[in-house]
Amino acid sequence: TRMVALPDGSLRQVTYSFMIWDGYDDLL
């Protein structure tokens, strides 16, 4: 689970598998 910042400045708690977050980190 990570907190995701939205364009309006709010944060949303989002839970994905480690594999999805690993792909996200690779993209960054």
PDB file of all heavy atoms in Angstrom:
ATOM      1  N   THR A   1       0.837  -1.194   0.000  1.00  0.00           N
ATOM      2  CA  THR A   1       0.000   0.000   0.000  1.00  0.00           C
ATOM      3  C   THR A   1       0.874   1.247   0.000  1.00  0.00           C
ATOM      4  O   THR A   1       1.851   1.326   0.746  1.00  0.00           O
ATOM      5  CB  THR A   1      -0.918   0.007   1.242  1.00  0.00           C
ATOM      6  OG1 THR A   1      -1.734  -1.172   1.207  1.00  0.00           O
ATOM      7  CG2 THR A   1      -1.808   1.235   1.267  1.00  0.00           C
ATOM      8  N   ARG A   2       0.511   2.198  -0.849  1.00  0.00           N
ATOM      9  CA  ARG A   2       1.201   3.486  -0.919  1.00  0.00           C
ATOM     10  C   ARG A   2       0.166   4.594  -0.984  1.00  0.00           C
ATOM     11  O   ARG A   2      -0.978   4.371  -1.342  1.00  0.00           O
ATOM     12  CB  ARG A   2       2.083   3.579  -2.172  1.00  0.00           C
ATOM     13  CG  ARG A   2       3.212   2.576  -2.198  1.00  0.00           C
ATOM     14  CD  ARG A   2       4.127   2.870  -3.360  1.00  0.00           C
ATOM     15  NE  ARG A   2       5.126   1.830  -3.536  1.00  0.00           N
ATOM     16  CZ  ARG A   2       6.087   1.873  -4.451  1.00  0.00           C
ATOM     17  NH1 ARG A   2       6.166   2.909  -5.274  1.00  0.00           N
ATOM     18  NH2 ARG A   2       6.949   0.896  -4.559  1.00  0.00           N
ATOM     19  N   MET A   3       0.613   5.787  -0.645  1.00  0.00           N
ATOM     20  CA  MET A   3      -0.227   6.974  -0.775  1.00  0.00           C
ATOM     21  C   MET A   3       0.071   7.599  -2.135  1.00  0.00           C
ATOM     22  O   MET A   3       1.229   7.825  -2.479  1.00  0.00           O
ATOM     23  CB  MET A   3       0.058   7.968   0.339  1.00  0.00           C
ATOM     24  CG  MET A   3      -0.258   7.421   1.732  1.00  0.00           C
ATOM     25  SD  MET A   3      -1.960   6.853   1.929  1.00  0.00           S
ATOM     26  CE  MET A   3      -2.829   8.397   1.979  1.00  0.00           C
ATOM     27  N   VAL A   4      -0.975   7.859  -2.910  1.00  0.00           N
ATOM     28  CA  VAL A   4      -0.839   8.423  -4.253  1.00  0.00           C
ATOM     29  C   VAL A   4      -1.367   9.853  -4.234  1.00  0.00           C
ATOM     30  O   VAL A   4      -2.500  10.091  -3.807  1.00  0.00           O
ATOM     31  CB  VAL A   4      -1.617   7.570  -5.283  1.00  0.00           C
ATOM     32  CG1 VAL A   4      -1.608   8.224  -6.651  1.00  0.00           C
ATOM     33  CG2 VAL A   4      -1.036   6.164  -5.348  1.00  0.00           C
ATOM     34  N   ALA A   5      -0.530  10.793  -4.664  1.00  0.00           N
ATOM     35  CA  ALA A   5      -0.940  12.200  -4.726  1.00  0.00           C
ATOM     36  C   ALA A   5      -1.773  12.434  -5.980  1.00  0.00           C
ATOM     37  O   ALA A   5      -1.397  12.030  -7.084  1.00  0.00           O
ATOM     38  CB  ALA A   5       0.291  13.097  -4.751  1.00  0.00           C
ATOM     39  N   LEU A   6      -2.904  13.091  -5.797  1.00  0.00           N
ATOM     40  CA  LEU A   6      -3.799  13.425  -6.907  1.00  0.00           C
ATOM     41  C   LEU A   6      -3.605  14.888  -7.298  1.00  0.00           C
ATOM     42  O   LEU A   6      -3.053  15.675  -6.521  1.00  0.00           O
ATOM     43  CB  LEU A   6      -5.244  13.151  -6.505  1.00  0.00           C
ATOM     44  CG  LEU A   6      -5.542  11.696  -6.117  1.00  0.00           C
ATOM     45  CD1 LEU A   6      -6.979  11.556  -5.671  1.00  0.00           C
ATOM     46  CD2 LEU A   6      -5.234  10.756  -7.258  1.00  0.00           C
ATOM     47  N   PRO A   7      -4.049  15.271  -8.487  1.00  0.00           N
ATOM     48  CA  PRO A   7      -3.848  16.646  -8.957  1.00  0.00           C
ATOM     49  C   PRO A   7      -4.416  17.722  -8.036  1.00  0.00           C
ATOM     50  O   PRO A   7      -3.889  18.826  -7.974  1.00  0.00           O
ATOM     51  CB  PRO A   7      -4.549  16.673 -10.314  1.00  0.00           C
ATOM     52  CG  PRO A   7      -4.541  15.267 -10.780  1.00  0.00           C
ATOM     53  CD  PRO A   7      -4.655  14.437  -9.529  1.00  0.00           C
ATOM     54  N   ASP A   8      -5.460  17.407  -7.292  1.00  0.00           N
ATOM     55  CA  ASP A   8      -6.054  18.411  -6.398  1.00  0.00           C
ATOM     56  C   ASP A   8      -5.308  18.533  -5.072  1.00  0.00           C
ATOM     57  O   ASP A   8      -5.723  19.267  -4.173  1.00  0.00           O
ATOM     58  CB  ASP A   8      -7.534  18.117  -6.155  1.00  0.00           C
ATOM     59  CG  ASP A   8      -7.767  16.815  -5.393  1.00  0.00           C
ATOM     60  OD1 ASP A   8      -6.788  16.156  -4.970  1.00  0.00           O
ATOM     61  OD2 ASP A   8      -8.945  16.455  -5.210  1.00  0.00           O
ATOM     62  N   GLY A   9      -4.198  17.796  -4.936  1.00  0.00           N
ATOM     63  CA  GLY A   9      -3.399  17.855  -3.719  1.00  0.00           C
ATOM     64  C   GLY A   9      -3.775  16.831  -2.674  1.00  0.00           C
ATOM     65  O   GLY A   9      -3.074  16.676  -1.674  1.00  0.00           O
ATOM     66  N   SER A  10      -4.859  16.135  -2.881  1.00  0.00           N
ATOM     67  CA  SER A  10      -5.266  15.112  -1.917  1.00  0.00           C
ATOM     68  C   SER A  10      -4.422  13.845  -2.111  1.00  0.00           C
ATOM     69  O   SER A  10      -3.771  13.665  -3.142  1.00  0.00           O
ATOM     70  CB  SER A  10      -6.753  14.793  -2.072  1.00  0.00           C
ATOM     71  OG  SER A  10      -7.010  14.207  -3.325  1.00  0.00           O
ATOM     72  N   LEU A  11      -4.453  13.001  -1.110  1.00  0.00           N
ATOM     73  CA  LEU A  11      -3.742  11.724  -1.165  1.00  0.00           C
ATOM     74  C   LEU A  11      -4.757  10.602  -1.122  1.00  0.00           C
ATOM     75  O   LEU A  11      -5.766  10.684  -0.431  1.00  0.00           O
ATOM     76  CB  LEU A  11      -2.793  11.594   0.024  1.00  0.00           C
ATOM     77  CG  LEU A  11      -1.658  12.592   0.095  1.00  0.00           C
ATOM     78  CD1 LEU A  11      -0.891  12.419   1.403  1.00  0.00           C
ATOM     79  CD2 LEU A  11      -0.714  12.433  -1.092  1.00  0.00           C
ATOM     80  N   ARG A  12      -4.468   9.561  -1.867  1.00  0.00           N
ATOM     81  CA  ARG A  12      -5.351   8.396  -1.883  1.00  0.00           C
ATOM     82  C   ARG A  12      -4.509   7.161  -1.568  1.00  0.00           C
ATOM     83  O   ARG A  12      -3.458   6.947  -2.161  1.00  0.00           O
ATOM     84  CB  ARG A  12      -6.005   8.242  -3.249  1.00  0.00           C
ATOM     85  CG  ARG A  12      -6.952   7.053  -3.303  1.00  0.00           C
ATOM     86  CD  ARG A  12      -7.695   7.000  -4.573  1.00  0.00           C
ATOM     87  NE  ARG A  12      -8.634   8.118  -4.586  1.00  0.00           N
ATOM     88  CZ  ARG A  12      -9.630   8.225  -5.429  1.00  0.00           C
ATOM     89  NH1 ARG A  12      -9.821   7.289  -6.330  1.00  0.00           N
ATOM     90  NH2 ARG A  12     -10.443   9.254  -5.395  1.00  0.00           N
ATOM     91  N   GLN A  13      -4.999   6.352  -0.651  1.00  0.00           N
ATOM     92  CA  GLN A  13      -4.328   5.106  -0.313  1.00  0.00           C
ATOM     93  C   GLN A  13      -4.666   4.076  -1.373  1.00  0.00           C
ATOM     94  O   GLN A  13      -5.833   3.826  -1.654  1.00  0.00           O
ATOM     95  CB  GLN A  13      -4.790   4.644   1.055  1.00  0.00           C
ATOM     96  CG  GLN A  13      -4.086   3.416   1.552  1.00  0.00           C
ATOM     97  CD  GLN A  13      -4.477   3.090   2.987  1.00  0.00           C
ATOM     98  OE1 GLN A  13      -4.537   3.962   3.827  1.00  0.00           O
ATOM     99  NE2 GLN A  13      -4.747   1.828   3.234  1.00  0.00           N
ATOM    100  N   VAL A  14      -3.627   3.481  -1.957  1.00  0.00           N
ATOM    101  CA  VAL A  14      -3.824   2.518  -3.044  1.00  0.00           C
ATOM    102  C   VAL A  14      -3.000   1.268  -2.742  1.00  0.00           C
ATOM    103  O   VAL A  14      -1.833   1.359  -2.374  1.00  0.00           O
ATOM    104  CB  VAL A  14      -3.386   3.125  -4.400  1.00  0.00           C
ATOM    105  CG1 VAL A  14      -3.555   2.128  -5.520  1.00  0.00           C
ATOM    106  CG2 VAL A  14      -4.158   4.400  -4.696  1.00  0.00           C
ATOM    107  N   THR A  15      -3.625   0.108  -2.920  1.00  0.00           N
ATOM    108  CA  THR A  15      -2.946  -1.166  -2.699  1.00  0.00           C
ATOM    109  C   THR A  15      -2.891  -1.941  -4.010  1.00  0.00           C
ATOM    110  O   THR A  15      -3.925  -2.191  -4.636  1.00  0.00           O
ATOM    111  CB  THR A  15      -3.678  -1.998  -1.625  1.00  0.00           C
ATOM    112  OG1 THR A  15      -3.739  -1.243  -0.414  1.00  0.00           O
ATOM    113  CG2 THR A  15      -2.960  -3.316  -1.377  1.00  0.00           C
ATOM    114  N   TYR A  16      -1.667  -2.265  -4.409  1.00  0.00           N
ATOM    115  CA  TYR A  16      -1.423  -3.113  -5.584  1.00  0.00           C
ATOM    116  C   TYR A  16      -0.415  -4.177  -5.175  1.00  0.00           C
ATOM    117  O   TYR A  16       0.206  -4.111  -4.119  1.00  0.00           O
ATOM    118  CB  TYR A  16      -0.811  -2.319  -6.744  1.00  0.00           C
ATOM    119  CG  TYR A  16      -1.662  -1.220  -7.297  1.00  0.00           C
ATOM    120  CD1 TYR A  16      -1.104   0.019  -7.585  1.00  0.00           C
ATOM    121  CD2 TYR A  16      -3.011  -1.397  -7.572  1.00  0.00           C
ATOM    122  CE1 TYR A  16      -1.873   1.046  -8.122  1.00  0.00           C
ATOM    123  CE2 TYR A  16      -3.789  -0.377  -8.105  1.00  0.00           C
ATOM    124  CZ  TYR A  16      -3.212   0.843  -8.376  1.00  0.00           C
ATOM    125  OH  TYR A  16      -3.970   1.851  -8.897  1.00  0.00           O
ATOM    126  N   SER A  17      -0.182  -5.123  -6.067  1.00  0.00           N
ATOM    127  CA  SER A  17       0.854  -6.119  -5.818  1.00  0.00           C
ATOM    128  C   SER A  17       2.232  -5.455  -5.941  1.00  0.00           C
ATOM    129  O   SER A  17       2.391  -4.399  -6.568  1.00  0.00           O
ATOM    130  CB  SER A  17       0.754  -7.266  -6.827  1.00  0.00           C
ATOM    131  OG  SER A  17       1.099  -6.797  -8.117  1.00  0.00           O
ATOM    132  N   PHE A  18       3.219  -6.088  -5.334  1.00  0.00           N
ATOM    133  CA  PHE A  18       4.594  -5.595  -5.439  1.00  0.00           C
ATOM    134  C   PHE A  18       4.996  -5.468  -6.910  1.00  0.00           C
ATOM    135  O   PHE A  18       5.708  -4.536  -7.281  1.00  0.00           O
ATOM    136  CB  PHE A  18       5.553  -6.541  -4.698  1.00  0.00           C
ATOM    137  CG  PHE A  18       6.987  -6.190  -4.895  1.00  0.00           C
ATOM    138  CD1 PHE A  18       7.571  -5.159  -4.173  1.00  0.00           C
ATOM    139  CD2 PHE A  18       7.762  -6.872  -5.819  1.00  0.00           C
ATOM    140  CE1 PHE A  18       8.898  -4.816  -4.369  1.00  0.00           C
ATOM    141  CE2 PHE A  18       9.089  -6.535  -6.023  1.00  0.00           C
ATOM    142  CZ  PHE A  18       9.656  -5.510  -5.293  1.00  0.00           C
ATOM    143  N   MET A  19       4.525  -6.386  -7.750  1.00  0.00           N
ATOM    144  CA  MET A  19       4.878  -6.368  -9.174  1.00  0.00           C
ATOM    145  C   MET A  19       4.420  -5.076  -9.849  1.00  0.00           C
ATOM    146  O   MET A  19       5.160  -4.485 -10.641  1.00  0.00           O
ATOM    147  CB  MET A  19       4.270  -7.575  -9.884  1.00  0.00           C
ATOM    148  CG  MET A  19       4.598  -7.660 -11.354  1.00  0.00           C
ATOM    149  SD  MET A  19       3.987  -9.185 -12.127  1.00  0.00           S
ATOM    150  CE  MET A  19       2.245  -9.092 -11.820  1.00  0.00           C
ATOM    151  N   ILE A  20       3.219  -4.605  -9.542  1.00  0.00           N
ATOM    152  CA  ILE A  20       2.718  -3.358 -10.138  1.00  0.00           C
ATOM    153  C   ILE A  20       3.548  -2.183  -9.644  1.00  0.00           C
ATOM    154  O   ILE A  20       3.970  -1.329 -10.430  1.00  0.00           O
ATOM    155  CB  ILE A  20       1.223  -3.156  -9.815  1.00  0.00           C
ATOM    156  CG1 ILE A  20       0.378  -4.256 -10.451  1.00  0.00           C
ATOM    157  CG2 ILE A  20       0.760  -1.758 -10.258  1.00  0.00           C
ATOM    158  CD1 ILE A  20       0.393  -4.278 -11.971  1.00  0.00           C
ATOM    159  N   TRP A  21       3.810  -2.114  -8.335  1.00  0.00           N
ATOM    160  CA  TRP A  21       4.603  -1.007  -7.803  1.00  0.00           C
ATOM    161  C   TRP A  21       6.039  -1.053  -8.324  1.00  0.00           C
ATOM    162  O   TRP A  21       6.655  -0.009  -8.539  1.00  0.00           O
ATOM    163  CB  TRP A  21       4.584  -1.004  -6.277  1.00  0.00           C
ATOM    164  CG  TRP A  21       3.298  -0.530  -5.693  1.00  0.00           C
ATOM    165  CD1 TRP A  21       2.486  -1.217  -4.833  1.00  0.00           C
ATOM    166  CD2 TRP A  21       2.653   0.738  -5.903  1.00  0.00           C
ATOM    167  NE1 TRP A  21       1.391  -0.461  -4.509  1.00  0.00           N
ATOM    168  CE2 TRP A  21       1.466   0.753  -5.151  1.00  0.00           C
ATOM    169  CE3 TRP A  21       2.965   1.865  -6.669  1.00  0.00           C
ATOM    170  CZ2 TRP A  21       0.598   1.844  -5.120  1.00  0.00           C
ATOM    171  CZ3 TRP A  21       2.096   2.954  -6.649  1.00  0.00           C
ATOM    172  CH2 TRP A  21       0.938   2.936  -5.883  1.00  0.00           C
ATOM    173  N   ASP A  22       6.577  -2.245  -8.539  1.00  0.00           N
ATOM    174  CA  ASP A  22       7.926  -2.358  -9.094  1.00  0.00           C
ATOM    175  C   ASP A  22       7.966  -1.784 -10.512  1.00  0.00           C
ATOM    176  O   ASP A  22       8.903  -1.071 -10.876  1.00  0.00           O
ATOM    177  CB  ASP A  22       8.372  -3.826  -9.083  1.00  0.00           C
ATOM    178  CG  ASP A  22       9.832  -3.995  -9.405  1.00  0.00           C
ATOM    179  OD1 ASP A  22      10.668  -3.315  -8.773  1.00  0.00           O
ATOM    180  OD2 ASP A  22      10.157  -4.824 -10.289  1.00  0.00           O
ATOM    181  N   GLY A  23       6.924  -2.073 -11.307  1.00  0.00           N
ATOM    182  CA  GLY A  23       6.831  -1.482 -12.648  1.00  0.00           C
ATOM    183  C   GLY A  23       6.701   0.025 -12.582  1.00  0.00           C
ATOM    184  O   GLY A  23       7.318   0.752 -13.367  1.00  0.00           O
ATOM    185  N   TYR A  24       5.906   0.523 -11.635  1.00  0.00           N
ATOM    186  CA  TYR A  24       5.752   1.968 -11.430  1.00  0.00           C
ATOM    187  C   TYR A  24       7.109   2.600 -11.105  1.00  0.00           C
ATOM    188  O   TYR A  24       7.493   3.614 -11.706  1.00  0.00           O
ATOM    189  CB  TYR A  24       4.751   2.204 -10.292  1.00  0.00           C
ATOM    190  CG  TYR A  24       4.659   3.619  -9.821  1.00  0.00           C
ATOM    191  CD1 TYR A  24       3.890   4.558 -10.494  1.00  0.00           C
ATOM    192  CD2 TYR A  24       5.343   4.022  -8.674  1.00  0.00           C
ATOM    193  CE1 TYR A  24       3.798   5.868 -10.041  1.00  0.00           C
ATOM    194  CE2 TYR A  24       5.256   5.326  -8.219  1.00  0.00           C
ATOM    195  CZ  TYR A  24       4.488   6.241  -8.911  1.00  0.00           C
ATOM    196  OH  TYR A  24       4.406   7.534  -8.462  1.00  0.00           O
ATOM    197  N   ASP A  25       7.847   2.002 -10.187  1.00  0.00           N
ATOM    198  CA  ASP A  25       9.168   2.529  -9.821  1.00  0.00           C
ATOM    199  C   ASP A  25      10.117   2.518 -11.013  1.00  0.00           C
ATOM    200  O   ASP A  25      10.892   3.464 -11.208  1.00  0.00           O
ATOM    201  CB  ASP A  25       9.760   1.727  -8.662  1.00  0.00           C
ATOM    202  CG  ASP A  25       8.981   1.902  -7.366  1.00  0.00           C
ATOM    203  OD1 ASP A  25       8.267   2.919  -7.210  1.00  0.00           O
ATOM    204  OD2 ASP A  25       9.082   1.002  -6.504  1.00  0.00           O
ATOM    205  N   ASP A  26      10.070   1.457 -11.823  1.00  0.00           N
ATOM    206  CA  ASP A  26      10.908   1.396 -13.024  1.00  0.00           C
ATOM    207  C   ASP A  26      10.565   2.532 -13.989  1.00  0.00           C
ATOM    208  O   ASP A  26      11.459   3.123 -14.604  1.00  0.00           O
ATOM    209  CB  ASP A  26      10.749   0.056 -13.739  1.00  0.00           C
ATOM    210  CG  ASP A  26      11.433  -1.094 -13.012  1.00  0.00           C
ATOM    211  OD1 ASP A  26      12.235  -0.837 -12.094  1.00  0.00           O
ATOM    212  OD2 ASP A  26      11.142  -2.260 -13.362  1.00  0.00           O
ATOM    213  N   LEU A  27       9.280   2.832 -14.130  1.00  0.00           N
ATOM    214  CA  LEU A  27       8.864   3.925 -15.014  1.00  0.00           C
ATOM    215  C   LEU A  27       9.400   5.264 -14.518  1.00  0.00           C
ATOM    216  O   LEU A  27       9.883   6.084 -15.306  1.00  0.00           O
ATOM    217  CB  LEU A  27       7.342   3.975 -15.142  1.00  0.00           C
ATOM    218  CG  LEU A  27       6.700   2.841 -15.916  1.00  0.00           C
ATOM    219  CD1 LEU A  27       5.187   2.909 -15.791  1.00  0.00           C
ATOM    220  CD2 LEU A  27       7.128   2.868 -17.371  1.00  0.00           C
ATOM    221  N   LEU A  28       9.337   5.496 -13.213  1.00  0.00           N
ATOM    222  CA  LEU A  28       9.872   6.742 -12.662  1.00  0.00           C
ATOM    223  C   LEU A  28      11.375   6.841 -12.891  1.00  0.00           C
ATOM    224  O   LEU A  28      11.889   7.900 -13.263  1.00  0.00           O
ATOM    225  CB  LEU A  28       9.552   6.858 -11.174  1.00  0.00           C
ATOM    226  CG  LEU A  28       8.075   6.950 -10.798  1.00  0.00           C
ATOM    227  CD1 LEU A  28       7.929   7.150  -9.289  1.00  0.00           C
ATOM    228  CD2 LEU A  28       7.349   8.042 -11.559  1.00  0.00           C
TER     229      LEU A  28
END
